Amino acid sequence: MADMEKAVNRIEAAINSGEKVMIYGDYDVDGTTAVVVVYSFFKKHHPNIEYYIPDRYLEGYGISTQGIDYAAANGFALIIALDCGIKSVDKIAYANTLGVDFIICDHHTPGAQLPTAVAVLDPKRADCSYPFKELSGCGIGFKLVQAFAEKNGLPFEDVRCYFDLVAVSIACDIVPIVGENRVLAYFGLLKLNTDPCIGLKTLMGVAGKTINYTISDIVFLLGPRINAAGRIDDAKHAVELLIASTEDAAQIKGDLINIKNTERKGHDLQITDEALGMIAGDEVLINRKSTVVFNENWHKGVIGIVASRLTEKYYRPTVVLTRSNGHVAGSARSVLGYDLYEALCGCSDLLIQFGGHKYAAGLTMHPDNVEAFADRFEEVVSASITAEQLVQQIQIDAELRLSQVEPKFFRILNQFAPFGPENMSPVFLTKNVYVSGNAGLVGTNHIKMKVMQEDSAVFDCIAFGQGEQLEQIKKDVPLDICYTIEENIWRERRSIQLNIRGIRLQS
């Protein structure tokens, strides 16, 4: 990886001369897990080390002037920045004037100019020949730790112990689970399910599931709780949980984070309802190919979640904006195949800063630019998005009869796991199935039912978020279903379950 040798040499120099080192990370899951990995590893080799997580509301995303000033005032000679910094050209230049060195470990797309740091680790650099370009931010931190260990003759066990944290970052940052990420996710899940670190073990208990975690379980059970710390309160609580060395200390932080997650859910539901109401009541917004909504009173910590909810509802590129520190901050989400980051590049003159990926991004602008941004974003999206990208589709991999869904087939299918972006769990279509017994609603809006064909066993099915389909499901009327195949574990009994993605009543 470009600059890796420079990074390792600078860290060795800091250790040898006893310099104070700061591990600086973003406040989301990827950033906090990255801080935990790098801080925990180097703490074993260098006592003069601390971590720093910027305040989401007071400092905003990425490298902050406040963070640099804190480092300079407290004698830190080196900052290792994780999951941020690739576009912080001005901030790094400022740090250089104060005699504070930076090593940047980032995985976001660089701008035209790289920061003048001691080392810039980012496989997306145009001049970086590292063969895998899609590592998470924590993954970049892990490679730094691995490189240091390799150069200094440390056993691989010293870095392998962080696989579970790397897997959590891969799952929650929605990076492609192919290539090196698939390897890291596989071994990370293995560790999470057999020997998780104390913090993750505690969080799994708080989440109500302690075994057989999948990538999906991490995304829906662990990720929101880790994120809730920074969204509602302070992301340092998440770091303190994940570096905890005793179960008692971890339990205190785990319980606190769980409370913050419950609070986060309340904000999430309220703001989503308000945003949906704004769109439904505005003909212009309804008929656009993009969504931009703004309310200065919305909680900044949950606007990313709300953007995802709006994208699910209207299925188009979406930006949710709120007031923050005199500016307007936003979170953006995209639809399958549409490059959101490129769309924001077309609005860059209206933005103070922005950054992110193809499908998710963050941005900041002056309040006066909100209306102009909404119009420009719509203009850019309308000119570049296809009609197909605006229609949510279920991509079917193969057609099966239910008699083919047997344990051996499921075992072979599972060899393709872990599933996730760019390696999604295969979706199958089966026609002419019949409901066995009664279909019913469970939870808020989910359908639970059993289906069969004349030559098959009876299969349990769950259809999440499809409660409105219940009325059309009749016992003697054939259905076409598309689904993924998963294992359901209930009281130590294992069975194959169909996770229904779509239901079509035969005409």
Protein backbone atom coordinates (compact mmCIF):
# COMPACT_ATOMS: atom_id res chain seq x y z
CA MET A 1 0.00 0.00 0.00
CA ALA A 2 1.38 3.42 -0.96
CA ASP A 3 3.03 5.20 2.02
CA MET A 4 2.75 2.17 4.32
CA GLU A 5 6.49 2.05 4.92
CA LYS A 6 6.50 5.77 5.74
CA ALA A 7 3.64 5.25 8.19
CA VAL A 8 5.31 2.36 10.01
CA ASN A 9 8.65 4.19 10.18
CA ARG A 10 7.00 7.28 11.69
CA ILE A 11 5.20 5.21 14.33
CA GLU A 12 8.45 3.40 15.20
CA ALA A 13 10.16 6.78 15.59
CA ALA A 14 7.37 7.98 17.90
CA ILE A 15 7.66 4.85 20.05
CA ASN A 16 11.46 5.02 20.21
CA SER A 17 11.49 8.69 21.23
CA GLY A 18 8.52 8.45 23.62
CA GLU A 19 6.35 10.94 21.70
CA LYS A 20 2.67 11.37 22.54
CA VAL A 21 0.47 9.76 19.89
CA MET A 22 -3.24 10.43 19.29
CA ILE A 23 -5.54 7.94 17.57
CA TYR A 24 -8.22 10.07 15.90
CA GLY A 25 -11.37 8.46 14.49
CA ASP A 26 -14.79 9.16 13.09
CA TYR A 27 -17.88 8.66 15.29
CA ASP A 28 -19.67 5.95 13.29
CA VAL A 29 -19.22 2.16 13.54
CA ASP A 30 -16.37 2.09 11.03
CA GLY A 31 -14.55 4.94 12.75
CA THR A 32 -14.98 3.68 16.31
CA THR A 33 -13.97 0.09 15.50
CA ALA A 34 -10.92 1.46 13.65
CA VAL A 35 -9.92 3.47 16.73
CA VAL A 36 -10.36 0.41 18.96
CA VAL A 37 -8.17 -1.79 16.73
CA VAL A 38 -5.32 0.70 16.29
CA TYR A 39 -5.42 2.08 19.84
CA SER A 40 -5.62 -1.37 21.47
CA PHE A 41 -2.72 -2.72 19.41
CA PHE A 42 -0.31 0.19 19.86
CA LYS A 43 -1.21 0.64 23.53
CA LYS A 44 0.56 -2.70 24.11
CA HIS A 45 3.76 -1.25 22.62
CA HIS A 46 3.60 2.42 23.58
CA PRO A 47 2.07 3.74 26.83
CA ASN A 48 2.05 7.37 25.67
CA ILE A 49 -1.05 7.03 23.51
CA GLU A 50 -4.64 8.33 23.69
CA TYR A 51 -7.69 8.30 21.42
CA TYR A 52 -9.89 11.17 20.30
CA ILE A 53 -13.38 11.05 18.78
CA PRO A 54 -14.72 14.40 17.50
CA ASP A 55 -18.10 15.58 18.76
CA ARG A 56 -20.64 15.07 15.96
CA TYR A 57 -22.43 18.31 16.80
CA LEU A 58 -19.65 20.66 17.89
CA GLU A 59 -16.90 19.54 15.49
CA GLY A 60 -18.71 17.80 12.63
CA TYR A 61 -17.33 15.08 10.38
CA GLY A 62 -13.64 14.42 9.86
CA ILE A 63 -10.52 16.20 11.06
CA SER A 64 -11.47 19.26 13.12
CA THR A 65 -9.52 22.37 14.01
CA GLN A 66 -10.54 21.76 17.65
CA GLY A 67 -8.99 18.30 17.55
CA ILE A 68 -5.73 19.63 16.12
CA ASP A 69 -5.62 22.45 18.68
CA TYR A 70 -6.21 19.94 21.48
CA ALA A 71 -3.35 17.79 20.19
CA ALA A 72 -0.94 20.75 19.93
CA ALA A 73 -1.89 22.13 23.36
CA ASN A 74 -1.38 18.75 25.01
CA GLY A 75 1.92 17.86 23.42
CA PHE A 76 0.86 15.25 20.85
CA ALA A 77 3.51 14.99 18.14
CA LEU A 78 1.66 12.49 15.93
CA ILE A 79 -2.00 11.92 15.02
CA ILE A 80 -3.13 8.72 13.30
CA ALA A 81 -6.45 9.59 11.65
CA LEU A 82 -8.82 6.73 10.86
CA ASP A 83 -11.81 6.62 8.46
CA CYS A 84 -11.38 10.32 7.68
CA GLY A 85 -8.87 12.92 6.52
CA ILE A 86 -8.39 12.19 2.81
CA LYS A 87 -9.90 15.57 1.89
CA SER A 88 -8.63 17.53 4.91
CA VAL A 89 -5.97 19.38 2.92
CA ASP A 90 -6.36 22.69 4.79
CA LYS A 91 -6.60 21.05 8.22
CA ILE A 92 -3.41 19.02 7.72
CA ALA A 93 -1.61 22.13 6.46
CA TYR A 94 -2.72 23.89 9.66
CA ALA A 95 -1.46 20.99 11.78
CA ASN A 96 1.91 21.20 10.03
CA THR A 97 2.28 24.83 11.16
CA LEU A 98 1.82 23.64 14.76
CA GLY A 99 4.37 20.84 14.45
CA VAL A 100 1.78 18.06 14.61
CA ASP A 101 2.37 15.20 12.16
CA PHE A 102 -0.45 13.19 10.60
CA ILE A 103 -0.78 9.65 9.28
CA ILE A 104 -4.08 9.37 7.39
CA CYS A 105 -5.83 5.99 7.09
CA ASP A 106 -8.90 6.50 4.92
CA HIS A 107 -10.93 4.60 2.34
CA HIS A 108 -12.99 7.44 0.87
CA THR A 109 -12.38 8.85 -2.61
CA PRO A 110 -9.54 11.42 -2.62
CA GLY A 111 -9.91 14.89 -4.08
CA ALA A 112 -7.60 16.40 -6.69
CA GLN A 113 -4.96 17.12 -4.02
CA LEU A 114 -3.75 14.83 -1.25
CA PRO A 115 -3.10 16.27 2.22
CA THR A 116 0.56 16.93 3.08
CA ALA A 117 0.66 14.29 5.80
CA VAL A 118 3.66 12.12 6.69
CA ALA A 119 1.76 9.22 5.14
CA VAL A 120 -1.59 8.87 3.37
CA LEU A 121 -2.92 5.32 3.36
CA ASP A 122 -5.85 4.99 0.95
CA PRO A 123 -6.04 2.31 -1.77
CA LYS A 124 -8.24 4.68 -3.80
CA ARG A 125 -5.22 6.97 -4.35
CA ALA A 126 -4.50 7.07 -8.07
CA ASP A 127 -0.86 6.13 -7.41
CA CYS A 128 -1.60 3.25 -5.01
CA SER A 129 -1.04 -0.23 -6.43
CA TYR A 130 -2.65 -2.08 -3.52
CA PRO A 131 -4.71 -4.76 -5.27
CA PHE A 132 -7.94 -4.41 -3.27
CA LYS A 133 -9.56 -0.98 -3.30
CA GLU A 134 -12.65 -1.50 -1.12
CA LEU A 135 -11.35 -1.98 2.44
CA SER A 136 -13.36 -0.36 5.22
CA GLY A 137 -11.80 2.43 7.29
CA CYS A 138 -11.19 -0.10 10.05
CA GLY A 139 -9.72 -2.39 7.40
CA ILE A 140 -7.11 0.28 6.55
CA GLY A 141 -6.28 0.59 10.26
CA PHE A 142 -5.98 -3.19 10.46
CA LYS A 143 -3.51 -3.20 7.54
CA LEU A 144 -1.41 -0.58 9.36
CA VAL A 145 -1.35 -2.78 12.46
CA GLN A 146 -0.54 -5.85 10.33
CA ALA A 147 2.30 -4.06 8.55
CA PHE A 148 3.81 -2.89 11.87
CA ALA A 149 3.57 -6.40 13.31
CA GLU A 150 5.10 -7.95 10.21
CA LYS A 151 8.04 -5.55 10.12
CA ASN A 152 8.72 -5.98 13.83
CA GLY A 153 8.48 -9.77 13.86
CA LEU A 154 5.34 -9.93 16.02
CA PRO A 155 3.17 -13.06 15.83
CA PHE A 156 0.08 -12.95 13.61
CA GLU A 157 -2.02 -13.76 16.69
CA ASP A 158 -1.33 -10.17 17.81
CA VAL A 159 -3.42 -8.87 14.90
CA ARG A 160 -5.78 -11.80 14.32
CA CYS A 161 -7.47 -11.01 17.64
CA TYR A 162 -9.08 -7.96 15.97
CA PHE A 163 -10.87 -9.88 13.18
CA ASP A 164 -14.26 -9.59 14.93
CA LEU A 165 -14.05 -5.79 15.03
CA VAL A 166 -13.00 -5.64 11.37
CA ALA A 167 -16.01 -7.80 10.41
CA VAL A 168 -18.33 -5.42 12.28
CA SER A 169 -16.91 -2.48 10.33
CA ILE A 170 -17.23 -4.29 6.99
CA ALA A 171 -20.86 -5.18 7.67
CA CYS A 172 -21.93 -1.77 8.94
CA ASP A 173 -20.08 0.41 6.42
CA ILE A 174 -21.76 -1.43 3.53
CA VAL A 175 -18.50 -2.10 1.67
CA PRO A 176 -18.44 -4.88 -0.96
CA ILE A 177 -17.99 -8.33 0.58
CA VAL A 178 -15.72 -9.62 -2.15
CA GLY A 179 -11.97 -10.16 -2.38
CA GLU A 180 -10.06 -9.33 0.78
CA ASN A 181 -13.20 -8.06 2.54
CA ARG A 182 -14.80 -11.49 2.11
CA VAL A 183 -11.78 -13.16 3.71
CA LEU A 184 -11.72 -10.69 6.60
CA ALA A 185 -15.50 -10.96 7.08
CA TYR A 186 -15.35 -14.77 7.07
CA PHE A 187 -12.69 -15.00 9.76
CA GLY A 188 -14.23 -12.08 11.63
CA LEU A 189 -17.58 -13.86 11.86
CA LEU A 190 -15.77 -16.99 12.98
CA LYS A 191 -14.18 -15.07 15.86
CA LEU A 192 -17.40 -13.19 16.69
CA ASN A 193 -19.25 -16.49 17.02
CA THR A 194 -16.57 -18.35 18.98
CA ASP A 195 -14.41 -15.86 20.88
CA PRO A 196 -15.65 -12.25 20.64
CA CYS A 197 -13.88 -9.48 22.52
CA ILE A 198 -15.50 -8.60 25.85
CA GLY A 199 -17.18 -5.48 24.48
CA LEU A 200 -18.78 -7.22 21.50
CA LYS A 201 -19.80 -10.19 23.66
CA THR A 202 -21.57 -7.80 26.02
CA LEU A 203 -23.24 -5.95 23.16
CA MET A 204 -24.47 -9.24 21.69
CA GLY A 205 -26.07 -10.03 25.05
CA VAL A 206 -27.70 -6.61 25.25
CA ALA A 207 -29.02 -7.06 21.70
CA GLY A 208 -30.70 -10.32 22.70
CA LYS A 209 -28.77 -12.67 20.41
CA THR A 210 -25.50 -14.28 21.45
CA ILE A 211 -24.84 -16.99 18.84
CA ASN A 212 -24.80 -17.67 15.08
CA TYR A 213 -24.27 -14.09 13.96
CA THR A 214 -24.40 -13.29 10.25
CA ILE A 215 -23.46 -10.10 8.41
CA SER A 216 -27.15 -9.17 8.48
CA ASP A 217 -27.30 -9.67 12.25
CA ILE A 218 -24.35 -7.32 12.71
CA VAL A 219 -26.03 -4.68 10.54
CA PHE A 220 -29.38 -4.81 12.33
CA LEU A 221 -28.42 -5.70 15.92
CA LEU A 222 -24.91 -4.45 16.70
CA GLY A 223 -24.39 -1.57 14.27
CA PRO A 224 -27.34 0.60 15.36
CA ARG A 225 -26.33 0.28 19.01
CA ILE A 226 -22.71 1.26 18.38
CA ASN A 227 -23.87 4.16 16.18
CA ALA A 228 -26.41 5.30 18.78
CA ALA A 229 -23.61 6.34 21.14
CA GLY A 230 -22.38 9.02 18.70
CA ARG A 231 -25.79 9.88 17.28
CA ILE A 232 -27.45 10.65 20.62
CA ASP A 233 -24.63 11.21 23.09
CA ASP A 234 -20.88 10.63 22.68
CA ALA A 235 -19.14 8.03 20.49
CA LYS A 236 -16.48 7.64 23.18
CA HIS A 237 -18.98 5.41 25.01
CA ALA A 238 -18.77 2.97 22.09
CA VAL A 239 -14.96 2.99 22.19
CA GLU A 240 -14.99 2.47 25.97
CA LEU A 241 -17.32 -0.50 25.52
CA LEU A 242 -15.16 -2.10 22.84
CA ILE A 243 -11.84 -1.65 24.70
CA ALA A 244 -13.30 -2.80 28.05
CA SER A 245 -11.10 -5.36 29.79
CA THR A 246 -13.69 -6.52 32.33
CA GLU A 247 -17.26 -7.75 31.92
CA ASP A 248 -18.53 -5.35 34.58
CA ALA A 249 -17.09 -2.29 32.82
CA ALA A 250 -18.45 -3.51 29.48
CA GLN A 251 -21.92 -4.15 30.92
CA ILE A 252 -22.20 -0.59 32.24
CA LYS A 253 -21.38 0.84 28.80
CA GLY A 254 -23.49 -1.77 26.99
CA ASP A 255 -26.58 -0.90 29.03
CA LEU A 256 -26.00 2.83 28.47
CA ILE A 257 -25.64 2.35 24.71
CA ASN A 258 -28.82 0.28 24.61
CA ILE A 259 -30.73 3.11 26.30
CA LYS A 260 -29.32 5.57 23.74
CA ASN A 261 -30.42 3.23 20.95
CA THR A 262 -33.99 3.23 22.27
CA GLU A 263 -33.86 7.04 22.35
CA ARG A 264 -32.48 7.05 18.80
CA LYS A 265 -35.44 4.94 17.59
CA GLY A 266 -37.86 7.56 18.93
CA HIS A 267 -36.16 10.39 17.03
CA ASP A 268 -35.92 8.21 13.93
CA LEU A 269 -39.65 7.41 13.80
CA GLN A 270 -40.75 10.98 14.53
CA ILE A 271 -38.52 12.60 11.92
CA THR A 272 -39.35 9.95 9.30
CA ASP A 273 -43.08 10.65 9.79
CA GLU A 274 -42.50 14.41 9.48
CA ALA A 275 -40.39 14.01 6.33
CA LEU A 276 -42.90 11.69 4.68
CA GLY A 277 -45.62 14.23 5.48
CA MET A 278 -43.60 17.01 3.84
CA ILE A 279 -43.21 15.00 0.63
CA ALA A 280 -46.82 13.78 0.52
CA GLY A 281 -48.09 17.36 0.89
CA ASP A 282 -45.97 18.84 -1.91
CA GLU A 283 -46.75 18.01 -5.56
CA VAL A 284 -43.33 19.31 -6.68
CA LEU A 285 -41.50 17.00 -4.26
CA ILE A 286 -43.66 14.01 -5.17
CA ASN A 287 -42.93 14.35 -8.90
CA ARG A 288 -39.17 14.87 -8.66
CA LYS A 289 -36.54 12.22 -9.43
CA SER A 290 -34.71 13.13 -6.22
CA THR A 291 -35.72 13.97 -2.68
CA VAL A 292 -34.27 16.88 -0.68
CA VAL A 293 -36.00 17.75 2.61
CA PHE A 294 -34.92 20.24 5.28
CA ASN A 295 -36.03 21.02 8.80
CA GLU A 296 -33.70 22.98 11.06
CA ASN A 297 -35.04 21.24 14.19
CA TRP A 298 -34.37 17.65 13.16
CA HIS A 299 -31.85 15.67 15.23
CA LYS A 300 -28.63 15.52 13.26
CA GLY A 301 -27.75 12.11 14.67
CA VAL A 302 -30.53 10.25 12.86
CA ILE A 303 -30.87 12.03 9.51
CA GLY A 304 -28.84 9.29 7.80
CA ILE A 305 -31.33 6.67 8.99
CA VAL A 306 -34.22 8.88 7.86
CA ALA A 307 -32.61 9.28 4.43
CA SER A 308 -32.51 5.48 4.14
CA ARG A 309 -36.19 5.22 5.11
CA LEU A 310 -37.21 7.83 2.53
CA THR A 311 -35.17 6.05 -0.14
CA GLU A 312 -36.99 2.82 0.66
CA LYS A 313 -40.36 4.58 0.33
CA TYR A 314 -39.81 6.67 -2.81
CA TYR A 315 -36.80 4.85 -4.27
CA ARG A 316 -34.74 7.74 -5.56
CA PRO A 317 -31.55 9.58 -4.50
CA THR A 318 -32.35 11.32 -1.21
CA VAL A 319 -30.81 14.06 0.94
CA VAL A 320 -32.06 14.93 4.44
CA LEU A 321 -30.87 18.28 5.85
CA THR A 322 -30.90 19.94 9.25
CA ARG A 323 -29.29 22.93 10.98
CA SER A 324 -25.93 22.34 12.71
CA ASN A 325 -23.53 24.89 14.19
CA GLY A 326 -24.71 27.75 11.99
CA HIS A 327 -24.53 25.61 8.84
CA VAL A 328 -26.82 23.04 7.25
CA ALA A 329 -25.65 19.45 7.49
CA GLY A 330 -27.03 16.57 5.45
CA SER A 331 -26.97 12.83 4.90
CA ALA A 332 -27.56 11.36 1.48
CA ARG A 333 -28.50 7.88 0.26
CA SER A 334 -28.77 6.44 -3.24
CA VAL A 335 -30.49 3.66 -5.18
CA LEU A 336 -28.97 0.61 -6.84
CA GLY A 337 -26.56 1.53 -9.63
CA TYR A 338 -26.64 5.33 -9.17
CA ASP A 339 -23.44 7.11 -8.11
CA LEU A 340 -24.48 9.60 -5.45
CA TYR A 341 -20.94 10.89 -4.91
CA GLU A 342 -20.68 11.91 -8.57
CA ALA A 343 -24.04 13.69 -8.32
CA LEU A 344 -22.77 15.70 -5.34
CA CYS A 345 -19.65 16.61 -7.33
CA GLY A 346 -22.05 18.37 -9.72
CA CYS A 347 -23.27 20.49 -6.78
CA SER A 348 -19.86 21.10 -5.19
CA ASP A 349 -19.89 24.88 -5.70
CA LEU A 350 -22.92 25.05 -3.38
CA LEU A 351 -21.32 22.95 -0.65
CA ILE A 352 -18.79 23.76 2.06
CA GLN A 353 -17.68 20.14 2.12
CA PHE A 354 -18.90 16.67 1.21
CA GLY A 355 -17.61 13.14 1.16
CA GLY A 356 -18.64 9.53 1.05
CA HIS A 357 -19.32 6.65 -1.29
CA LYS A 358 -21.43 5.71 -4.30
CA TYR A 359 -24.45 4.95 -2.12
CA ALA A 360 -24.02 7.11 1.00
CA ALA A 361 -22.55 10.54 1.67
CA GLY A 362 -22.46 13.47 4.07
CA LEU A 363 -22.46 17.16 3.19
CA THR A 364 -22.42 20.67 4.66
CA MET A 365 -23.62 23.95 3.15
CA HIS A 366 -24.52 27.53 4.04
CA PRO A 367 -28.21 27.94 4.97
CA ASP A 368 -28.71 30.33 2.05
CA ASN A 369 -27.86 27.55 -0.40
CA VAL A 370 -30.51 25.00 0.61
CA GLU A 371 -33.05 25.90 -2.06
CA ALA A 372 -30.42 26.24 -4.78
CA PHE A 373 -28.93 22.89 -3.78
CA ALA A 374 -32.31 21.13 -3.92
CA ASP A 375 -32.86 22.47 -7.46
CA ARG A 376 -29.32 21.68 -8.63
CA PHE A 377 -29.37 18.17 -7.15
CA GLU A 378 -32.65 17.48 -8.96
CA GLU A 379 -31.16 18.84 -12.17
CA VAL A 380 -28.05 16.64 -11.90
CA VAL A 381 -29.99 13.52 -10.94
CA SER A 382 -32.60 14.01 -13.67
CA ALA A 383 -29.86 14.31 -16.29
CA SER A 384 -27.95 11.22 -15.22
CA ILE A 385 -30.32 8.65 -13.70
CA THR A 386 -32.07 6.05 -15.86
CA ALA A 387 -35.73 5.09 -15.66
CA GLU A 388 -34.72 1.55 -14.64
CA GLN A 389 -32.71 2.88 -11.67
CA LEU A 390 -35.83 4.58 -10.32
CA VAL A 391 -37.79 1.32 -10.13
CA GLN A 392 -36.98 -0.99 -7.27
CA GLN A 393 -36.42 -4.44 -8.69
CA ILE A 394 -35.97 -7.88 -7.23
CA GLN A 395 -33.18 -9.56 -9.15
CA ILE A 396 -33.84 -13.29 -9.32
CA ASP A 397 -30.87 -15.65 -9.64
CA ALA A 398 -32.68 -18.93 -10.41
CA GLU A 399 -36.03 -20.67 -10.43
CA LEU A 400 -36.51 -23.66 -8.10
CA ARG A 401 -39.12 -26.13 -7.05
CA LEU A 402 -39.46 -26.36 -3.27
CA SER A 403 -38.48 -30.04 -3.43
CA GLN A 404 -34.97 -28.87 -4.42
CA VAL A 405 -34.62 -26.85 -1.22
CA GLU A 406 -33.09 -29.54 0.93
CA PRO A 407 -30.36 -29.52 3.62
CA LYS A 408 -27.54 -30.53 1.26
CA PHE A 409 -28.44 -27.71 -1.14
CA PHE A 410 -28.49 -25.24 1.76
CA ARG A 411 -25.04 -26.40 2.94
CA ILE A 412 -23.58 -25.89 -0.53
CA LEU A 413 -25.26 -22.49 -0.82
CA ASN A 414 -23.71 -21.44 2.49
CA GLN A 415 -20.23 -21.97 1.09
CA PHE A 416 -20.76 -18.71 -0.82
CA ALA A 417 -21.20 -16.83 2.48
CA PRO A 418 -20.61 -14.37 4.04
CA PHE A 419 -23.18 -12.53 1.96
CA GLY A 420 -23.36 -8.79 1.57
CA PRO A 421 -22.93 -6.00 -1.03
CA GLU A 422 -21.73 -7.40 -4.40
CA ASN A 423 -22.06 -10.93 -2.99
CA MET A 424 -25.71 -10.92 -1.99
CA SER A 425 -27.54 -14.03 -0.85
CA PRO A 426 -29.05 -15.64 -3.97
CA VAL A 427 -32.72 -14.89 -4.64
CA PHE A 428 -34.86 -17.75 -5.93
CA LEU A 429 -38.26 -17.83 -7.63
CA THR A 430 -40.78 -20.61 -7.04
CA LYS A 431 -44.12 -20.60 -8.85
CA ASN A 432 -47.38 -22.24 -7.81
CA VAL A 433 -46.91 -22.59 -4.06
CA TYR A 434 -49.80 -22.97 -1.65
CA VAL A 435 -50.21 -21.66 1.87
CA SER A 436 -50.37 -24.42 4.46
CA GLY A 437 -52.50 -23.46 7.46
CA ASN A 438 -53.10 -19.80 8.24
CA ALA A 439 -50.93 -16.82 7.34
CA GLY A 440 -50.78 -14.12 10.00
CA LEU A 441 -49.17 -10.84 11.03
CA VAL A 442 -46.26 -10.78 13.48
CA GLY A 443 -44.40 -7.79 14.87
CA THR A 444 -45.31 -4.46 13.34
CA ASN A 445 -45.91 -5.37 9.69
CA HIS A 446 -44.49 -8.82 8.96
CA ILE A 447 -46.20 -11.93 7.54
CA LYS A 448 -45.53 -15.35 9.03
CA MET A 449 -46.78 -18.35 7.05
CA LYS A 450 -46.00 -21.86 5.81
CA VAL A 451 -45.90 -22.84 2.12
CA MET A 452 -45.60 -26.07 0.16
CA GLN A 453 -45.90 -27.71 -3.23
CA GLU A 454 -47.41 -31.12 -3.87
CA ASP A 455 -43.99 -32.82 -4.01
CA SER A 456 -42.29 -30.82 -1.23
CA ALA A 457 -42.00 -30.48 2.50
CA VAL A 458 -43.72 -27.59 4.30
CA PHE A 459 -41.49 -24.53 4.73
CA ASP A 460 -41.70 -21.76 7.30
CA CYS A 461 -41.67 -18.30 5.72
CA ILE A 462 -41.20 -14.76 6.98
CA ALA A 463 -42.02 -11.71 4.82
CA PHE A 464 -40.66 -8.59 6.52
CA GLY A 465 -42.53 -5.32 6.02
CA GLN A 466 -45.12 -6.86 3.69
CA GLY A 467 -48.19 -6.89 5.96
CA GLU A 468 -50.30 -5.14 3.33
CA GLN A 469 -50.04 -8.32 1.21
CA LEU A 470 -51.84 -10.44 3.81
CA GLU A 471 -55.33 -9.85 2.40
CA GLN A 472 -54.48 -11.40 -0.96
CA ILE A 473 -53.03 -14.59 0.54
CA LYS A 474 -55.67 -17.32 0.45
CA LYS A 475 -55.21 -20.96 1.41
CA ASP A 476 -56.29 -22.46 -1.92
CA VAL A 477 -54.97 -19.78 -4.27
CA PRO A 478 -51.52 -20.42 -5.80
CA LEU A 479 -48.76 -17.86 -5.29
CA ASP A 480 -45.43 -17.11 -6.91
CA ILE A 481 -42.77 -16.22 -4.35
CA CYS A 482 -39.19 -15.01 -4.55
CA TYR A 483 -37.01 -15.53 -1.51
CA THR A 484 -33.64 -16.14 0.03
CA ILE A 485 -32.94 -19.31 2.00
CA GLU A 486 -31.75 -19.03 5.59
CA GLU A 487 -31.46 -21.04 8.74
CA ASN A 488 -33.90 -20.39 11.56
CA ILE A 489 -32.76 -21.35 15.06
CA TRP A 490 -35.42 -21.58 17.75
CA ARG A 491 -34.68 -23.15 21.13
CA GLU A 492 -31.69 -25.00 19.62
CA ARG A 493 -33.86 -26.45 16.84
CA ARG A 494 -32.53 -25.64 13.38
CA SER A 495 -34.71 -25.49 10.29
CA ILE A 496 -34.64 -23.99 6.80
CA GLN A 497 -36.71 -20.83 6.49
CA LEU A 498 -37.64 -18.86 3.39
CA ASN A 499 -37.17 -15.11 3.70
CA ILE A 500 -39.81 -13.81 1.29
CA ARG A 501 -38.75 -10.82 -0.83
CA GLY A 502 -41.82 -10.69 -3.06
CA ILE A 503 -45.28 -12.28 -3.34
CA ARG A 504 -47.35 -12.39 -6.53
CA LEU A 505 -50.89 -13.66 -6.65
CA GLN A 506 -51.47 -15.77 -9.76
CA SER A 507 -54.05 -14.28 -12.07
